[in-house]
PDB file of all heavy atoms in Angstrom:
ATOM      1  N   HIS A   1       0.812  -1.234  -0.005  1.00  0.00           N
ATOM      2  CA  HIS A   1      -0.051   0.021  -0.043  1.00  0.00           C
ATOM      3  C   HIS A   1       0.838   1.318   0.034  1.00  0.00           C
ATOM      4  O   HIS A   1       0.389   2.301  -0.234  1.00  0.00           O
ATOM      5  CB  HIS A   1      -0.945  -0.039   1.193  1.00  0.00           C
ATOM      6  CG  HIS A   1      -0.263   0.285   2.419  1.00  0.00           C
ATOM      7  ND1 HIS A   1       0.227  -0.773   3.232  1.00  0.00           N
ATOM      8  CD2 HIS A   1       0.128   1.420   3.150  1.00  0.00           C
ATOM      9  CE1 HIS A   1       0.781  -0.349   4.418  1.00  0.00           C
ATOM     10  NE2 HIS A   1       0.665   0.981   4.337  1.00  0.00           N
ATOM     11  N   GLU A   2       2.087   1.024   0.140  1.00  0.00           N
ATOM     12  CA  GLU A   2       2.988   2.273   0.184  1.00  0.00           C
ATOM     13  C   GLU A   2       3.567   2.674  -1.191  1.00  0.00           C
ATOM     14  O   GLU A   2       4.250   3.545  -1.274  1.00  0.00           O
ATOM     15  CB  GLU A   2       4.289   2.004   1.096  1.00  0.00           C
ATOM     16  CG  GLU A   2       3.819   1.788   2.578  1.00  0.00           C
ATOM     17  CD  GLU A   2       5.041   1.522   3.457  1.00  0.00           C
ATOM     18  OE1 GLU A   2       5.872   2.393   3.630  1.00  0.00           O
ATOM     19  OE2 GLU A   2       5.121   0.379   3.972  1.00  0.00           O
ATOM     20  N   PHE A   3       3.062   1.939  -2.214  1.00  0.00           N
ATOM     21  CA  PHE A   3       3.505   2.199  -3.529  1.00  0.00           C
ATOM     22  C   PHE A   3       2.326   2.600  -4.463  1.00  0.00           C
ATOM     23  O   PHE A   3       1.184   2.236  -4.144  1.00  0.00           O
ATOM     24  CB  PHE A   3       4.135   0.878  -4.124  1.00  0.00           C
ATOM     25  CG  PHE A   3       5.442   0.400  -3.309  1.00  0.00           C
ATOM     26  CD1 PHE A   3       5.339  -0.406  -2.310  1.00  0.00           C
ATOM     27  CD2 PHE A   3       6.680   0.954  -3.754  1.00  0.00           C
ATOM     28  CE1 PHE A   3       6.411  -0.798  -1.577  1.00  0.00           C
ATOM     29  CE2 PHE A   3       7.789   0.562  -3.134  1.00  0.00           C
ATOM     30  CZ  PHE A   3       7.649  -0.300  -2.051  1.00  0.00           C
ATOM     31  N   SER A   4       2.661   3.145  -5.644  1.00  0.00           N
ATOM     32  CA  SER A   4       1.801   3.565  -6.598  1.00  0.00           C
ATOM     33  C   SER A   4       1.430   2.331  -7.360  1.00  0.00           C
ATOM     34  O   SER A   4       2.007   1.203  -7.303  1.00  0.00           O
ATOM     35  CB  SER A   4       2.308   4.727  -7.537  1.00  0.00           C
ATOM     36  OG  SER A   4       3.364   4.165  -8.269  1.00  0.00           O
ATOM     37  N   GLY A   5       0.409   2.518  -8.266  1.00  0.00           N
ATOM     38  CA  GLY A   5      -0.006   1.321  -9.223  1.00  0.00           C
ATOM     39  C   GLY A   5       1.045   0.817 -10.039  1.00  0.00           C
ATOM     40  O   GLY A   5       1.421  -0.423 -10.173  1.00  0.00           O
ATOM     41  N   GLY A   6       1.824   1.737 -10.680  1.00  0.00           N
ATOM     42  CA  GLY A   6       2.934   1.387 -11.499  1.00  0.00           C
ATOM     43  C   GLY A   6       4.041   0.720 -10.752  1.00  0.00           C
ATOM     44  O   GLY A   6       4.599  -0.297 -11.270  1.00  0.00           O
ATOM     45  N   GLN A   7       4.342   1.191  -9.587  1.00  0.00           N
ATOM     46  CA  GLN A   7       5.363   0.613  -8.715  1.00  0.00           C
ATOM     47  C   GLN A   7       4.846  -0.844  -8.361  1.00  0.00           C
ATOM     48  O   GLN A   7       5.764  -1.836  -8.172  1.00  0.00           O
ATOM     49  CB  GLN A   7       5.579   1.385  -7.507  1.00  0.00           C
ATOM     50  CG  GLN A   7       6.346   2.682  -7.793  1.00  0.00           C
ATOM     51  CD  GLN A   7       6.556   3.763  -6.611  1.00  0.00           C
ATOM     52  OE1 GLN A   7       5.497   3.746  -5.913  1.00  0.00           O
ATOM     53  NE2 GLN A   7       7.707   4.201  -6.494  1.00  0.00           N
ATOM     54  N   ARG A   8       3.605  -1.014  -7.999  1.00  0.00           N
ATOM     55  CA  ARG A   8       3.152  -2.273  -7.592  1.00  0.00           C
ATOM     56  C   ARG A   8       3.208  -3.314  -8.797  1.00  0.00           C
ATOM     57  O   ARG A   8       3.631  -4.427  -8.572  1.00  0.00           O
ATOM     58  CB  ARG A   8       1.658  -2.355  -7.182  1.00  0.00           C
ATOM     59  CG  ARG A   8       1.473  -1.394  -5.823  1.00  0.00           C
ATOM     60  CD  ARG A   8       0.069  -1.657  -5.350  1.00  0.00           C
ATOM     61  NE  ARG A   8      -0.280  -0.637  -4.407  1.00  0.00           N
ATOM     62  CZ  ARG A   8      -1.389  -0.533  -3.720  1.00  0.00           C
ATOM     63  NH1 ARG A   8      -2.239  -1.526  -3.813  1.00  0.00           N
ATOM     64  NH2 ARG A   8      -1.672   0.362  -2.864  1.00  0.00           N
ATOM     65  N   GLN A   9       3.025  -2.822  -9.969  1.00  0.00           N
ATOM     66  CA  GLN A   9       3.259  -3.716 -11.135  1.00  0.00           C
ATOM     67  C   GLN A   9       4.601  -4.062 -11.307  1.00  0.00           C
ATOM     68  O   GLN A   9       4.929  -5.206 -11.601  1.00  0.00           O
ATOM     69  CB  GLN A   9       2.647  -3.159 -12.528  1.00  0.00           C
ATOM     70  CG  GLN A   9       2.370  -4.215 -13.506  1.00  0.00           C
ATOM     71  CD  GLN A   9       1.288  -5.180 -13.145  1.00  0.00           C
ATOM     72  OE1 GLN A   9       1.691  -6.024 -12.166  1.00  0.00           O
ATOM     73  NE2 GLN A   9       0.263  -5.412 -13.841  1.00  0.00           N
ATOM     74  N   ARG A  10       5.519  -3.195 -10.894  1.00  0.00           N
ATOM     75  CA  ARG A  10       7.053  -3.486 -11.092  1.00  0.00           C
ATOM     76  C   ARG A  10       7.315  -4.659  -9.931  1.00  0.00           C
ATOM     77  O   ARG A  10       8.126  -5.606 -10.309  1.00  0.00           O
ATOM     78  CB  ARG A  10       7.839  -2.281 -10.760  1.00  0.00           C
ATOM     79  CG  ARG A  10       7.741  -1.247 -11.937  1.00  0.00           C
ATOM     80  CD  ARG A  10       8.486   0.055 -11.534  1.00  0.00           C
ATOM     81  NE  ARG A  10       8.411   1.006 -12.615  1.00  0.00           N
ATOM     82  CZ  ARG A  10       9.305   1.237 -13.590  1.00  0.00           C
ATOM     83  NH1 ARG A  10      10.505   0.486 -13.404  1.00  0.00           N
ATOM     84  NH2 ARG A  10       9.246   2.124 -14.506  1.00  0.00           N
ATOM     85  N   ILE A  11       6.713  -4.526  -8.816  1.00  0.00           N
ATOM     86  CA  ILE A  11       6.916  -5.535  -7.913  1.00  0.00           C
ATOM     87  C   ILE A  11       6.393  -6.834  -8.372  1.00  0.00           C
ATOM     88  O   ILE A  11       7.053  -7.973  -8.206  1.00  0.00           O
ATOM     89  CB  ILE A  11       6.163  -5.155  -6.499  1.00  0.00           C
ATOM     90  CG1 ILE A  11       6.808  -3.960  -5.811  1.00  0.00           C
ATOM     91  CG2 ILE A  11       6.222  -6.388  -5.521  1.00  0.00           C
ATOM     92  CD1 ILE A  11       5.912  -3.200  -4.790  1.00  0.00           C
ATOM     93  N   ALA A  12       5.255  -6.938  -8.954  1.00  0.00           N
ATOM     94  CA  ALA A  12       4.607  -8.170  -9.546  1.00  0.00           C
ATOM     95  C   ALA A  12       5.638  -8.737 -10.548  1.00  0.00           C
ATOM     96  O   ALA A  12       5.853  -9.937 -10.763  1.00  0.00           O
ATOM     97  CB  ALA A  12       3.321  -7.904 -10.060  1.00  0.00           C
ATOM     98  N   ILE A  13       6.210  -7.858 -11.454  1.00  0.00           N
ATOM     99  CA  ILE A  13       7.197  -8.278 -12.387  1.00  0.00           C
ATOM    100  C   ILE A  13       8.472  -8.825 -11.853  1.00  0.00           C
ATOM    101  O   ILE A  13       9.076  -9.884 -12.221  1.00  0.00           O
ATOM    102  CB  ILE A  13       7.560  -7.101 -13.404  1.00  0.00           C
ATOM    103  CG1 ILE A  13       6.239  -6.768 -14.238  1.00  0.00           C
ATOM    104  CG2 ILE A  13       8.587  -7.494 -14.344  1.00  0.00           C
ATOM    105  CD1 ILE A  13       6.410  -5.504 -14.991  1.00  0.00           C
ATOM    106  N   ALA A  14       8.902  -8.158 -10.723  1.00  0.00           N
ATOM    107  CA  ALA A  14      10.036  -8.616  -9.988  1.00  0.00           C
ATOM    108  C   ALA A  14       9.784 -10.078  -9.468  1.00  0.00           C
ATOM    109  O   ALA A  14      10.693 -10.949  -9.451  1.00  0.00           O
ATOM    110  CB  ALA A  14      10.422  -7.633  -8.891  1.00  0.00           C
ATOM    111  N   ARG A  15       8.601 -10.245  -8.909  1.00  0.00           N
ATOM    112  CA  ARG A  15       8.215 -11.626  -8.443  1.00  0.00           C
ATOM    113  C   ARG A  15       8.325 -12.704  -9.431  1.00  0.00           C
ATOM    114  O   ARG A  15       8.808 -13.873  -9.303  1.00  0.00           O
ATOM    115  CB  ARG A  15       6.852 -11.499  -7.813  1.00  0.00           C
ATOM    116  CG  ARG A  15       6.386 -12.966  -7.207  1.00  0.00           C
ATOM    117  CD  ARG A  15       5.144 -12.860  -6.475  1.00  0.00           C
ATOM    118  NE  ARG A  15       3.954 -12.273  -7.375  1.00  0.00           N
ATOM    119  CZ  ARG A  15       2.740 -11.956  -6.889  1.00  0.00           C
ATOM    120  NH1 ARG A  15       2.359 -12.189  -5.740  1.00  0.00           N
ATOM    121  NH2 ARG A  15       1.974 -11.477  -7.775  1.00  0.00           N
ATOM    122  N   ALA A  16       7.779 -12.314 -10.605  1.00  0.00           N
ATOM    123  CA  ALA A  16       7.913 -13.240 -11.895  1.00  0.00           C
ATOM    124  C   ALA A  16       9.406 -13.628 -12.298  1.00  0.00           C
ATOM    125  O   ALA A  16       9.664 -14.616 -12.787  1.00  0.00           O
ATOM    126  CB  ALA A  16       7.014 -12.734 -12.963  1.00  0.00           C
ATOM    127  N   LEU A  17      10.163 -12.432 -12.146  1.00  0.00           N
ATOM    128  CA  LEU A  17      11.518 -12.509 -12.638  1.00  0.00           C
ATOM    129  C   LEU A  17      12.545 -13.211 -11.701  1.00  0.00           C
ATOM    130  O   LEU A  17      13.612 -13.688 -12.143  1.00  0.00           O
ATOM    131  CB  LEU A  17      12.138 -11.165 -12.993  1.00  0.00           C
ATOM    132  CG  LEU A  17      11.721 -10.549 -14.321  1.00  0.00           C
ATOM    133  CD1 LEU A  17      12.337  -9.138 -14.403  1.00  0.00           C
ATOM    134  CD2 LEU A  17      12.406 -11.355 -15.477  1.00  0.00           C
ATOM    135  N   VAL A  18      12.146 -13.368 -10.488  1.00  0.00           N
ATOM    136  CA  VAL A  18      13.205 -13.734  -9.486  1.00  0.00           C
ATOM    137  C   VAL A  18      13.679 -15.241  -9.588  1.00  0.00           C
ATOM    138  O   VAL A  18      14.845 -15.378  -9.265  1.00  0.00           O
ATOM    139  CB  VAL A  18      12.590 -13.568  -8.008  1.00  0.00           C
ATOM    140  CG1 VAL A  18      11.557 -14.821  -7.695  1.00  0.00           C
ATOM    141  CG2 VAL A  18      13.670 -13.596  -7.013  1.00  0.00           C
ATOM    142  N   THR A  19      12.989 -16.054 -10.351  1.00  0.00           N
ATOM    143  CA  THR A  19      13.395 -17.420 -10.599  1.00  0.00           C
ATOM    144  C   THR A  19      14.246 -17.434 -11.978  1.00  0.00           C
ATOM    145  O   THR A  19      14.563 -18.563 -12.388  1.00  0.00           O
ATOM    146  CB  THR A  19      12.285 -18.435 -10.628  1.00  0.00           C
ATOM    147  OG1 THR A  19      11.412 -18.031 -11.756  1.00  0.00           O
ATOM    148  CG2 THR A  19      11.511 -18.415  -9.238  1.00  0.00           C
ATOM    149  N   ARG A  20      14.329 -16.336 -12.621  1.00  0.00           N
ATOM    150  CA  ARG A  20      15.127 -16.188 -13.933  1.00  0.00           C
ATOM    151  C   ARG A  20      14.360 -17.239 -14.970  1.00  0.00           C
ATOM    152  O   ARG A  20      14.878 -18.069 -15.555  1.00  0.00           O
ATOM    153  CB  ARG A  20      16.573 -16.618 -13.910  1.00  0.00           C
ATOM    154  CG  ARG A  20      17.256 -15.655 -13.054  1.00  0.00           C
ATOM    155  CD  ARG A  20      17.428 -14.360 -13.741  1.00  0.00           C
ATOM    156  NE  ARG A  20      18.411 -13.400 -13.070  1.00  0.00           N
ATOM    157  CZ  ARG A  20      17.907 -12.455 -12.194  1.00  0.00           C
ATOM    158  NH1 ARG A  20      16.624 -12.455 -11.869  1.00  0.00           N
ATOM    159  NH2 ARG A  20      18.693 -11.649 -11.524  1.00  0.00           N
ATOM    160  N   PRO A  21      13.005 -16.924 -15.223  1.00  0.00           N
ATOM    161  CA  PRO A  21      12.170 -17.853 -16.026  1.00  0.00           C
ATOM    162  C   PRO A  21      12.589 -17.559 -17.502  1.00  0.00           C
ATOM    163  O   PRO A  21      13.062 -16.615 -17.894  1.00  0.00           O
ATOM    164  CB  PRO A  21      10.755 -17.465 -15.794  1.00  0.00           C
ATOM    165  CG  PRO A  21      10.978 -15.932 -15.404  1.00  0.00           C
ATOM    166  CD  PRO A  21      12.250 -15.766 -14.646  1.00  0.00           C
ATOM    167  N   LYS A  22      12.329 -18.554 -18.261  1.00  0.00           N
ATOM    168  CA  LYS A  22      12.490 -18.595 -19.687  1.00  0.00           C
ATOM    169  C   LYS A  22      11.226 -17.911 -20.361  1.00  0.00           C
ATOM    170  O   LYS A  22      11.348 -17.384 -21.388  1.00  0.00           O
ATOM    171  CB  LYS A  22      12.742 -19.913 -20.412  1.00  0.00           C
ATOM    172  CG  LYS A  22      13.919 -20.695 -19.813  1.00  0.00           C
ATOM    173  CD  LYS A  22      15.179 -19.922 -20.192  1.00  0.00           C
ATOM    174  CE  LYS A  22      16.452 -20.725 -19.874  1.00  0.00           C
ATOM    175  NZ  LYS A  22      17.630 -20.009 -20.139  1.00  0.00           N
ATOM    176  N   LEU A  23      10.025 -18.102 -19.678  1.00  0.00           N
ATOM    177  CA  LEU A  23       8.724 -17.571 -20.260  1.00  0.00           C
ATOM    178  C   LEU A  23       8.067 -16.890 -19.164  1.00  0.00           C
ATOM    179  O   LEU A  23       7.883 -17.312 -18.087  1.00  0.00           O
ATOM    180  CB  LEU A  23       7.963 -18.897 -20.746  1.00  0.00           C
ATOM    181  CG  LEU A  23       6.425 -18.600 -21.051  1.00  0.00           C
ATOM    182  CD1 LEU A  23       6.346 -17.733 -22.403  1.00  0.00           C
ATOM    183  CD2 LEU A  23       5.731 -19.883 -21.166  1.00  0.00           C
ATOM    184  N   ILE A  24       7.396 -15.669 -19.454  1.00  0.00           N
ATOM    185  CA  ILE A  24       6.552 -15.007 -18.698  1.00  0.00           C
ATOM    186  C   ILE A  24       5.200 -14.846 -19.405  1.00  0.00           C
ATOM    187  O   ILE A  24       5.207 -14.406 -20.613  1.00  0.00           O
ATOM    188  CB  ILE A  24       7.072 -13.580 -18.282  1.00  0.00           C
ATOM    189  CG1 ILE A  24       8.255 -13.700 -17.280  1.00  0.00           C
ATOM    190  CG2 ILE A  24       5.938 -12.739 -17.638  1.00  0.00           C
ATOM    191  CD1 ILE A  24       8.906 -12.451 -16.816  1.00  0.00           C
ATOM    192  N   VAL A  25       4.149 -15.303 -18.817  1.00  0.00           N
ATOM    193  CA  VAL A  25       2.829 -15.005 -19.248  1.00  0.00           C
ATOM    194  C   VAL A  25       2.237 -13.830 -18.613  1.00  0.00           C
ATOM    195  O   VAL A  25       2.130 -13.822 -17.302  1.00  0.00           O
ATOM    196  CB  VAL A  25       1.873 -16.280 -19.060  1.00  0.00           C
ATOM    197  CG1 VAL A  25       0.491 -16.006 -19.591  1.00  0.00           C
ATOM    198  CG2 VAL A  25       2.418 -17.360 -19.811  1.00  0.00           C
ATOM    199  N   ALA A  26       1.929 -12.771 -19.284  1.00  0.00           N
ATOM    200  CA  ALA A  26       1.324 -11.474 -18.722  1.00  0.00           C
ATOM    201  C   ALA A  26      -0.056 -11.394 -19.172  1.00  0.00           C
ATOM    202  O   ALA A  26      -0.220 -11.111 -20.363  1.00  0.00           O
ATOM    203  CB  ALA A  26       2.334 -10.388 -19.170  1.00  0.00           C
ATOM    204  N   ASP A  27      -0.908 -11.407 -18.272  1.00  0.00           N
ATOM    205  CA  ASP A  27      -2.418 -11.220 -18.531  1.00  0.00           C
ATOM    206  C   ASP A  27      -2.885  -9.931 -18.237  1.00  0.00           C
ATOM    207  O   ASP A  27      -2.945  -9.487 -16.998  1.00  0.00           O
ATOM    208  CB  ASP A  27      -3.257 -12.268 -17.658  1.00  0.00           C
ATOM    209  CG  ASP A  27      -4.766 -12.299 -18.067  1.00  0.00           C
ATOM    210  OD1 ASP A  27      -5.092 -11.659 -19.028  1.00  0.00           O
ATOM    211  OD2 ASP A  27      -5.425 -13.045 -17.348  1.00  0.00           O
TER     212      ASP A  27
END
């Protein structure tokens, strides 16, 4: 709640990236 919407989506992207995936599905 301390972040803006764009920053929250960056957090969500960071969570997806942390395992170094080959594929990201973005809905």
